[in-house]
Amino acid sequence: MTVQKIAWRSFLPNFCVSDQNPSPKPKKPAVSKQTSFQRLSPSDLSSSTLSEDLSNSLAGSNLHVFTVGELKVITQSFSSSNFIGEGGFGPVHKGFIDDKLRPGLKAQPVAVKLLDLEGMQGHREWLTEVIFLGQLRHPHLVKLIGYCCEDEHRLLVYEYMPRGSLENQLFRRYTVSLPWSARMKIALGAAKGLAFLHEAEKPVIYRDFKASNILLDSDYTPKLSDFGLAKDGPEGDETHVSTRVMGTQGYAAPEYIMTGHLTAASDVYSFGVVLLELLTGRRSVDKNRPPREQNLVDWARPQLKDPRKLRRILDPRLEGQYSEMGAEKAAQLAYQCLSYRPKLRPAMSSVVKTLEPLQDFDDIPSGPFVYTVPTDLQKENAKDESRGQREMKKDRESDSHRNHRDRRNHRTRSPKSQTMYSESTALKRNLRNGLNSLVTPEN
């Protein structure tokens, strides 16, 4: 719709809009190149600096600036066969970069995220993600390879994560259940990613930590993605960042929802929710469950400190294949992270130290259940065994029927009552009446 396109162009910074005859502009102080000691923040790109070329602002970040035409080639014109999924930002497609596309860019599979112009997020979130992931590098943060800012188009190009999101691996009905060791590996890696953000020279609050934003490599190495809602943390004497409440229901910390005050402890609470999801195999909010069980934290947190109750709420899909000691330690950690008092929650660096030993517990029961597909001979033997069991059942039923009939023939009816009496009942009644003359006392 033309109105929408006009609105977009009026909102776009100059470096994203094609201009055939640019007018001369006075020189402005260029944004300095970023070093490991000075990171560009979204707040640094004020209205006076948005006109600067983004690639110059992020010089040294090794980000590639793609054209829409290149990304169409990479994704086969965003073919439906390459569709991976869709979030608040927009649809995501798998693509493949050929080593001939441009010098210095190796051949590799990628994930291309396209901003939905009518979606929940917009240019500001796109820009925030480019700025943060263009400068932050860590083994547990997804790697941003490049971006596209052409006319109204906004796209991001990431490394491809073969196992998709933790949400899909943990909750999809027909997938193989995540083993205990993989769950603890994911928890530790995600904690390391958050700790890195919180302990940076310019701290970052992730603000949208949830299962769908944790992507998994082929060996279940987790990486945090989707930095569109990330914020620079408080600095100096500041205790919090005041911002409008954004995030996902079930993951956001209660004090952040009530006050809009954002701190690192807000991320710690969200981590506790995800850790609880890993333990129980349940979603943070599930309207399909009974009313008392729909909110995971409200239902599960009171049971985390009792080992007996804990065993009842652990994911049944684990089939008992987990470390009891590890589960108790992880549950205690989740309980602390989910404290309603932010100051009582541990720092993410402490969370990492708690989770590291849980990778080495060896009290997991050995020998998981294995189903063996029967051969033809096994099938015949099973049929014979089943036939024999049916015949034995029939014999037992026949014997039971005969015994019942015999017992019925031994019973008599009293002419004055419909109550049934057996011979033993009659004997007992006679004894009570003193009719025991058959027993003769010794002289």
Protein backbone atom coordinates (compact mmCIF):
# COMPACT_ATOMS: atom_id res chain seq x y z
CA MET A 1 0.00 0.00 0.00
CA THR A 2 1.50 3.35 -1.03
CA VAL A 3 0.76 4.99 2.30
CA GLN A 4 2.89 2.44 4.06
CA LYS A 5 5.79 2.91 1.67
CA ILE A 6 5.72 6.68 2.15
CA ALA A 7 5.69 6.20 5.91
CA TRP A 8 8.68 3.90 5.72
CA ARG A 9 10.73 6.27 3.59
CA SER A 10 9.95 9.18 5.88
CA PHE A 11 11.24 7.10 8.78
CA LEU A 12 14.38 5.69 7.16
CA PRO A 13 17.82 7.12 7.73
CA ASN A 14 19.51 8.55 4.66
CA PHE A 15 22.06 5.78 4.35
CA CYS A 16 19.27 3.32 3.47
CA VAL A 17 17.52 5.44 0.83
CA SER A 18 18.77 5.70 -2.71
CA ASP A 19 19.31 9.30 -3.84
CA GLN A 20 20.40 9.91 -7.40
CA ASN A 21 21.33 13.60 -6.83
CA PRO A 22 22.46 14.02 -3.30
CA SER A 23 22.74 17.60 -2.17
CA PRO A 24 26.03 18.74 -0.68
CA LYS A 25 26.01 18.55 3.07
CA PRO A 26 28.27 20.15 5.62
CA LYS A 27 30.87 17.89 7.05
CA LYS A 28 29.90 16.19 10.30
CA PRO A 29 32.18 14.54 12.78
CA ALA A 30 32.55 10.94 11.67
CA VAL A 31 31.73 8.14 14.02
CA SER A 32 35.01 6.78 15.26
CA LYS A 33 35.98 3.24 14.46
CA GLN A 34 35.22 0.84 17.25
CA THR A 35 37.91 -0.95 19.14
CA SER A 36 37.66 -3.71 21.71
CA PHE A 37 37.60 -0.95 24.35
CA GLN A 38 34.96 1.30 22.80
CA ARG A 39 31.69 -0.12 21.59
CA LEU A 40 29.13 1.79 19.57
CA SER A 41 25.69 1.87 21.20
CA PRO A 42 22.29 2.35 19.58
CA SER A 43 21.96 5.58 21.56
CA ASP A 44 25.12 6.89 19.86
CA LEU A 45 23.28 6.97 16.54
CA SER A 46 21.30 10.13 17.16
CA SER A 47 19.49 12.05 14.44
CA SER A 48 22.71 13.91 13.67
CA THR A 49 24.68 10.76 12.96
CA LEU A 50 22.07 8.49 11.32
CA SER A 51 22.93 9.96 7.96
CA GLU A 52 26.43 8.52 8.19
CA ASP A 53 27.08 5.32 6.34
CA LEU A 54 26.42 2.40 8.70
CA SER A 55 29.32 0.45 7.28
CA ASN A 56 31.68 3.28 8.28
CA SER A 57 30.15 3.43 11.74
CA LEU A 58 30.83 -0.29 12.17
CA ALA A 59 34.23 -0.28 10.52
CA GLY A 60 36.32 -3.20 11.68
CA SER A 61 33.30 -5.38 12.44
CA ASN A 62 33.83 -7.49 9.29
CA LEU A 63 30.14 -7.29 8.42
CA HIS A 64 29.22 -7.72 4.75
CA VAL A 65 26.68 -5.40 3.16
CA PHE A 66 24.48 -7.46 0.82
CA THR A 67 22.09 -6.34 -1.89
CA VAL A 68 18.55 -7.64 -2.20
CA GLY A 69 19.56 -9.25 -5.49
CA GLU A 70 22.37 -11.20 -3.82
CA LEU A 71 20.09 -12.43 -1.08
CA LYS A 72 17.54 -13.58 -3.64
CA VAL A 73 20.24 -15.67 -5.25
CA ILE A 74 21.36 -17.03 -1.89
CA THR A 75 17.81 -18.08 -0.89
CA GLN A 76 16.52 -19.00 -4.36
CA SER A 77 14.19 -16.00 -4.33
CA PHE A 78 13.13 -16.78 -0.76
CA SER A 79 11.71 -20.08 -1.85
CA SER A 80 9.12 -21.72 0.39
CA SER A 81 11.26 -24.87 0.33
CA ASN A 82 13.96 -22.88 2.17
CA PHE A 83 11.58 -21.47 4.78
CA ILE A 84 12.81 -22.15 8.34
CA GLY A 85 10.39 -20.30 10.57
CA GLU A 86 9.03 -16.93 11.60
CA GLY A 87 9.21 -14.75 14.69
CA GLY A 88 8.33 -11.23 15.74
CA PHE A 89 10.90 -9.81 13.32
CA GLY A 90 9.70 -11.68 10.26
CA PRO A 91 10.28 -14.85 8.18
CA VAL A 92 13.61 -16.70 8.12
CA HIS A 93 14.93 -18.62 5.11
CA LYS A 94 17.90 -20.90 4.72
CA GLY A 95 20.39 -19.99 2.04
CA PHE A 96 23.83 -20.89 0.77
CA ILE A 97 26.64 -18.47 0.02
CA ASP A 98 28.81 -19.55 -2.88
CA ASP A 99 32.53 -18.84 -2.54
CA LYS A 100 32.28 -16.87 -5.80
CA LEU A 101 29.72 -14.41 -4.43
CA ARG A 102 32.37 -11.99 -3.22
CA PRO A 103 36.04 -12.08 -2.20
CA GLY A 104 36.79 -12.92 1.42
CA LEU A 105 33.45 -14.61 2.04
CA LYS A 106 33.71 -18.39 2.35
CA ALA A 107 31.10 -20.81 1.06
CA GLN A 108 28.68 -21.61 3.87
CA PRO A 109 25.00 -22.16 4.70
CA VAL A 110 23.30 -19.13 6.21
CA ALA A 111 19.98 -18.04 7.70
CA VAL A 112 18.45 -14.91 6.17
CA LYS A 113 15.93 -12.99 8.29
CA LEU A 114 13.61 -10.58 6.48
CA LEU A 115 11.92 -7.73 8.36
CA ASP A 116 8.15 -7.91 8.03
CA LEU A 117 6.98 -4.35 7.36
CA GLU A 118 3.68 -5.12 9.06
CA GLY A 119 5.23 -7.12 11.91
CA MET A 120 5.83 -6.42 15.59
CA GLN A 121 9.36 -5.03 15.14
CA GLY A 122 10.73 -2.33 12.88
CA HIS A 123 13.77 -0.44 11.71
CA ARG A 124 14.92 0.48 15.24
CA GLU A 125 15.04 -3.19 16.31
CA TRP A 126 16.83 -4.10 13.08
CA LEU A 127 19.41 -1.38 13.65
CA THR A 128 19.88 -2.42 17.28
CA GLU A 129 20.61 -5.98 16.24
CA VAL A 130 23.14 -4.88 13.61
CA ILE A 131 24.93 -2.65 16.12
CA PHE A 132 25.12 -5.23 18.92
CA LEU A 133 25.88 -8.38 16.93
CA GLY A 134 28.13 -6.46 14.55
CA GLN A 135 30.51 -5.74 17.43
CA LEU A 136 29.98 -8.46 20.05
CA ARG A 137 31.75 -11.76 19.46
CA HIS A 138 31.45 -14.81 21.72
CA PRO A 139 31.15 -18.60 21.22
CA HIS A 140 27.62 -18.46 22.64
CA LEU A 141 26.33 -15.55 20.58
CA VAL A 142 25.08 -16.25 17.06
CA LYS A 143 27.40 -14.79 14.43
CA LEU A 144 26.01 -12.00 12.25
CA ILE A 145 27.62 -12.29 8.81
CA GLY A 146 26.04 -9.24 7.21
CA TYR A 147 22.95 -7.19 6.53
CA CYS A 148 20.96 -5.54 3.77
CA CYS A 149 19.50 -2.01 3.97
CA GLU A 150 18.12 -1.20 0.54
CA ASP A 151 15.10 1.07 0.08
CA GLU A 152 12.46 -0.29 2.49
CA HIS A 153 14.10 -3.72 2.71
CA ARG A 154 15.74 -4.79 5.99
CA LEU A 155 17.48 -8.16 6.12
CA LEU A 156 20.01 -9.88 8.39
CA VAL A 157 22.32 -12.75 7.44
CA TYR A 158 23.44 -15.14 10.21
CA GLU A 159 25.41 -18.31 10.47
CA TYR A 160 23.12 -21.31 10.01
CA MET A 161 22.29 -23.31 13.14
CA PRO A 162 21.37 -26.88 12.07
CA ARG A 163 19.23 -27.88 15.07
CA GLY A 164 17.10 -24.75 15.10
CA SER A 165 15.79 -23.29 18.33
CA LEU A 166 15.65 -24.83 21.79
CA GLU A 167 11.89 -24.28 21.68
CA ASN A 168 11.52 -26.65 18.72
CA GLN A 169 13.86 -29.26 20.19
CA LEU A 170 12.21 -29.24 23.61
CA PHE A 171 8.51 -28.90 22.83
CA ARG A 172 7.86 -30.26 19.36
CA ARG A 173 5.72 -33.35 19.81
CA TYR A 174 7.38 -35.75 17.40
CA THR A 175 11.03 -34.94 18.02
CA VAL A 176 13.36 -37.16 20.04
CA SER A 177 13.54 -36.02 23.64
CA LEU A 178 16.63 -34.01 24.55
CA PRO A 179 18.93 -36.14 26.74
CA TRP A 180 19.88 -34.85 30.17
CA SER A 181 23.50 -34.15 29.18
CA ALA A 182 22.37 -31.98 26.25
CA ARG A 183 19.99 -30.02 28.50
CA MET A 184 22.75 -29.22 30.96
CA LYS A 185 25.11 -28.29 28.11
CA ILE A 186 22.52 -25.90 26.72
CA ALA A 187 21.88 -24.34 30.14
CA LEU A 188 25.61 -23.78 30.73
CA GLY A 189 26.29 -22.34 27.27
CA ALA A 190 23.33 -19.96 27.43
CA ALA A 191 24.45 -18.84 30.90
CA LYS A 192 27.93 -18.10 29.55
CA GLY A 193 26.42 -16.00 26.78
CA LEU A 194 24.40 -13.92 29.25
CA ALA A 195 27.36 -13.59 31.62
CA PHE A 196 29.47 -12.23 28.74
CA LEU A 197 26.86 -9.57 28.00
CA HIS A 198 26.45 -8.54 31.64
CA GLU A 199 30.18 -8.33 32.32
CA ALA A 200 31.17 -6.39 29.20
CA GLU A 201 32.85 -3.01 29.69
CA LYS A 202 29.58 -1.51 28.51
CA PRO A 203 27.09 -4.02 29.95
CA VAL A 204 24.23 -5.26 27.79
CA ILE A 205 20.83 -6.42 29.07
CA TYR A 206 19.43 -8.98 26.66
CA ARG A 207 15.76 -8.41 27.67
CA ASP A 208 14.29 -11.22 25.55
CA PHE A 209 15.88 -14.41 26.86
CA LYS A 210 13.58 -17.33 25.95
CA ALA A 211 13.70 -20.80 24.43
CA SER A 212 12.92 -19.61 20.90
CA ASN A 213 15.90 -17.21 20.94
CA ILE A 214 18.41 -19.92 21.86
CA LEU A 215 19.70 -21.56 18.67
CA LEU A 216 21.50 -24.90 18.66
CA ASP A 217 24.45 -26.07 16.60
CA SER A 218 24.81 -29.65 15.40
CA ASP A 219 26.41 -30.67 18.71
CA TYR A 220 23.82 -28.78 20.83
CA THR A 221 26.10 -25.81 21.41
CA PRO A 222 23.67 -22.97 22.25
CA LYS A 223 23.94 -19.44 20.89
CA LEU A 224 21.83 -16.41 21.75
CA SER A 225 20.11 -14.72 18.82
CA ASP A 226 17.64 -11.88 18.17
CA PHE A 227 19.10 -8.78 19.85
CA GLY A 228 16.39 -6.43 18.66
CA LEU A 229 15.21 -5.67 22.21
CA ALA A 230 18.67 -5.55 23.83
CA LYS A 231 19.55 -2.45 25.84
CA ASP A 232 22.72 -0.96 27.22
CA GLY A 233 22.84 -1.62 30.95
CA PRO A 234 23.11 0.97 33.72
CA GLU A 235 26.48 2.64 34.12
CA GLY A 236 28.14 4.49 36.96
CA ASP A 237 25.78 5.21 39.84
CA GLU A 238 22.71 4.11 37.91
CA THR A 239 20.85 1.14 39.35
CA HIS A 240 18.55 0.41 36.44
CA VAL A 241 17.43 1.44 32.98
CA SER A 242 13.92 2.83 32.65
CA THR A 243 12.21 1.64 29.49
CA ARG A 244 8.84 0.61 28.19
CA VAL A 245 7.96 -2.97 29.03
CA MET A 246 8.71 -5.33 26.15
CA GLY A 247 9.39 -9.03 26.04
CA THR A 248 7.48 -12.29 26.14
CA GLN A 249 4.78 -13.36 28.58
CA GLY A 250 5.99 -15.96 31.02
CA TYR A 251 9.66 -14.95 30.76
CA ALA A 252 9.71 -11.30 31.87
CA ALA A 253 10.66 -10.56 35.47
CA PRO A 254 7.73 -9.41 37.66
CA GLU A 255 9.42 -6.19 38.86
CA TYR A 256 10.20 -5.22 35.25
CA ILE A 257 6.56 -5.72 34.27
CA MET A 258 5.35 -3.60 37.19
CA THR A 259 7.87 -0.74 37.07
CA GLY A 260 9.66 -0.80 33.70
CA HIS A 261 12.97 -0.85 35.60
CA LEU A 262 15.40 -3.03 33.67
CA THR A 263 18.48 -4.60 35.31
CA ALA A 264 20.74 -7.59 34.79
CA ALA A 265 18.59 -9.39 37.37
CA SER A 266 15.74 -9.24 34.85
CA ASP A 267 17.77 -11.49 32.54
CA VAL A 268 18.58 -13.80 35.47
CA TYR A 269 14.87 -14.33 36.10
CA SER A 270 14.30 -15.15 32.43
CA PHE A 271 17.17 -17.63 32.58
CA GLY A 272 15.49 -19.30 35.56
CA VAL A 273 12.33 -19.75 33.50
CA VAL A 274 14.26 -21.43 30.66
CA LEU A 275 16.11 -23.64 33.16
CA LEU A 276 12.71 -24.66 34.54
CA GLU A 277 11.56 -25.51 31.00
CA LEU A 278 14.63 -27.70 30.55
CA LEU A 279 13.88 -29.54 33.80
CA THR A 280 10.16 -30.06 33.32
CA GLY A 281 9.74 -30.17 29.56
CA ARG A 282 6.87 -27.69 29.94
CA ARG A 283 6.34 -24.29 28.32
CA SER A 284 6.50 -21.15 30.45
CA VAL A 285 2.83 -20.55 29.69
CA ASP A 286 0.54 -23.33 28.47
CA LYS A 287 -3.17 -22.55 28.25
CA ASN A 288 -3.94 -26.19 27.40
CA ARG A 289 -3.10 -27.34 30.95
CA PRO A 290 -5.33 -27.16 34.06
CA PRO A 291 -5.67 -23.60 35.42
CA ARG A 292 -3.23 -24.13 38.31
CA GLU A 293 -0.54 -25.48 35.95
CA GLN A 294 -0.78 -22.94 33.12
CA ASN A 295 1.93 -20.65 34.51
CA LEU A 296 5.05 -22.77 34.89
CA VAL A 297 6.79 -20.64 37.52
CA ASP A 298 3.74 -20.37 39.78
CA TRP A 299 3.14 -24.12 39.59
CA ALA A 300 6.67 -25.53 39.73
CA ARG A 301 8.73 -23.15 41.89
CA PRO A 302 7.19 -24.22 45.24
CA GLN A 303 8.14 -27.83 44.47
CA LEU A 304 11.78 -27.28 43.52
CA LYS A 305 13.26 -27.56 47.03
CA ASP A 306 11.66 -30.92 47.87
CA PRO A 307 13.51 -33.80 46.14
CA ARG A 308 10.46 -36.04 46.30
CA LYS A 309 8.20 -33.44 44.70
CA LEU A 310 10.92 -32.55 42.21
CA ARG A 311 10.97 -36.07 40.81
CA ARG A 312 7.25 -35.78 40.08
CA ILE A 313 7.61 -32.61 38.00
CA LEU A 314 10.70 -33.57 35.97
CA ASP A 315 10.14 -34.16 32.28
CA PRO A 316 8.63 -37.66 31.92
CA ARG A 317 10.20 -37.90 28.46
CA LEU A 318 13.57 -38.30 30.20
CA GLU A 319 12.29 -41.74 31.32
CA GLY A 320 14.42 -41.58 34.46
CA GLN A 321 17.66 -41.08 32.50
CA TYR A 322 19.00 -38.13 34.47
CA SER A 323 21.34 -37.36 37.33
CA GLU A 324 19.38 -37.07 40.57
CA MET A 325 22.15 -35.02 42.17
CA GLY A 326 22.39 -32.82 39.09
CA ALA A 327 18.61 -32.35 38.94
CA GLU A 328 18.50 -31.26 42.59
CA LYS A 329 21.36 -28.78 42.10
CA ALA A 330 19.76 -27.38 38.93
CA ALA A 331 16.39 -27.09 40.67
CA GLN A 332 17.94 -25.17 43.58
CA LEU A 333 19.60 -22.83 41.09
CA ALA A 334 16.30 -22.27 39.25
CA TYR A 335 14.62 -21.49 42.59
CA GLN A 336 17.21 -18.80 43.31
CA CYS A 337 17.02 -17.28 39.81
CA LEU A 338 13.23 -17.07 40.10
CA SER A 339 13.25 -15.19 43.40
CA TYR A 340 10.66 -12.41 43.50
CA ARG A 341 13.29 -10.19 45.12
CA PRO A 342 15.81 -9.20 42.39
CA LYS A 343 18.67 -8.66 44.85
CA LEU A 344 18.44 -12.30 45.96
CA ARG A 345 19.02 -13.62 42.45
CA PRO A 346 22.58 -14.75 41.67
CA ALA A 347 24.74 -13.01 39.10
CA MET A 348 25.15 -14.89 35.82
CA SER A 349 28.82 -15.48 36.60
CA SER A 350 27.71 -17.38 39.73
CA VAL A 351 25.15 -19.27 37.68
CA VAL A 352 27.94 -20.43 35.36
CA LYS A 353 30.02 -21.64 38.30
CA THR A 354 27.05 -23.60 39.64
CA LEU A 355 26.28 -25.24 36.31
CA GLU A 356 29.83 -26.24 35.36
CA PRO A 357 30.11 -29.16 37.84
CA LEU A 358 26.71 -30.49 36.73
CA GLN A 359 28.24 -31.53 33.42
CA ASP A 360 30.31 -34.23 35.16
CA PHE A 361 27.79 -36.08 37.35
CA ASP A 362 27.91 -39.78 36.49
CA ASP A 363 24.94 -41.05 38.51
CA ILE A 364 22.71 -41.22 35.42
CA PRO A 365 21.17 -44.72 35.14
CA SER A 366 22.84 -46.66 32.34
CA GLY A 367 21.09 -48.56 29.61
CA PRO A 368 18.19 -46.58 28.15
CA PHE A 369 15.20 -48.50 26.85
CA VAL A 370 15.87 -49.74 23.31
CA TYR A 371 13.12 -51.10 21.08
CA THR A 372 14.23 -53.85 18.71
CA VAL A 373 12.25 -54.34 15.53
CA PRO A 374 11.17 -58.04 15.48
CA THR A 375 12.24 -60.33 12.66
CA ASP A 376 9.84 -62.71 10.88
CA LEU A 377 10.87 -65.59 13.15
CA GLN A 378 10.36 -63.43 16.23
CA LYS A 379 6.93 -62.45 14.94
CA GLU A 380 5.95 -66.13 14.50
CA ASN A 381 7.19 -66.98 17.98
CA ALA A 382 5.26 -64.03 19.36
CA LYS A 383 2.12 -65.27 17.59
CA ASP A 384 2.56 -68.79 19.01
CA GLU A 385 3.14 -67.38 22.48
CA SER A 386 0.10 -65.14 22.17
CA ARG A 387 -2.02 -68.10 20.95
CA GLY A 388 -0.86 -70.21 23.90
CA GLN A 389 -1.65 -67.39 26.33
CA ARG A 390 -5.16 -67.10 24.90
CA GLU A 391 -5.74 -70.85 25.28
CA MET A 392 -4.50 -70.78 28.89
CA LYS A 393 -6.82 -67.87 29.58
CA LYS A 394 -9.78 -69.80 28.18
CA ASP A 395 -8.90 -72.82 30.38
CA ARG A 396 -8.74 -70.60 33.48
CA GLU A 397 -12.06 -69.03 32.62
CA SER A 398 -13.64 -72.48 32.11
CA ASP A 399 -12.31 -73.77 35.46
CA SER A 400 -13.53 -70.63 37.19
CA HIS A 401 -16.98 -71.10 35.69
CA ARG A 402 -17.20 -74.74 36.88
CA ASN A 403 -16.07 -73.83 40.39
CA HIS A 404 -18.64 -71.09 40.57
CA ARG A 405 -21.39 -73.50 39.45
CA ASP A 406 -20.34 -76.11 42.02
CA ARG A 407 -20.40 -73.58 44.85
CA ARG A 408 -23.84 -72.44 43.78
CA ASN A 409 -25.18 -76.04 43.94
CA HIS A 410 -24.06 -76.37 47.58
CA ARG A 411 -26.15 -73.36 48.66
CA THR A 412 -29.72 -73.51 50.15
CA ARG A 413 -32.40 -70.88 50.54
CA SER A 414 -34.27 -70.18 53.77
CA PRO A 415 -38.04 -70.24 53.19
CA LYS A 416 -38.41 -67.12 55.33
CA SER A 417 -35.61 -65.02 53.85
CA GLN A 418 -34.04 -64.25 50.50
CA THR A 419 -30.56 -64.22 52.09
CA MET A 420 -28.23 -66.96 50.88
CA TYR A 421 -26.70 -69.33 53.46
CA SER A 422 -23.85 -71.75 52.98
CA GLU A 423 -23.32 -74.96 54.98
CA SER A 424 -20.61 -73.31 57.04
CA THR A 425 -22.95 -70.43 57.87
CA ALA A 426 -25.63 -72.86 59.06
CA LEU A 427 -23.12 -74.72 61.23
CA LYS A 428 -22.01 -71.48 62.88
CA ARG A 429 -25.62 -70.54 63.58
CA ASN A 430 -26.29 -73.92 65.18
CA LEU A 431 -23.25 -73.61 67.36
CA ARG A 432 -24.44 -70.21 68.56
CA ASN A 433 -27.79 -71.83 69.46
CA GLY A 434 -26.10 -74.49 71.53
CA LEU A 435 -26.75 -77.38 69.14
CA ASN A 436 -23.35 -78.96 69.61
CA SER A 437 -24.50 -82.32 71.06
CA LEU A 438 -22.32 -84.13 68.55
CA VAL A 439 -19.39 -83.32 70.74
CA THR A 440 -19.50 -85.62 73.78
CA PRO A 441 -17.56 -84.51 76.90
CA GLU A 442 -15.11 -86.98 78.39
CA ASN A 443 -16.16 -88.69 81.53
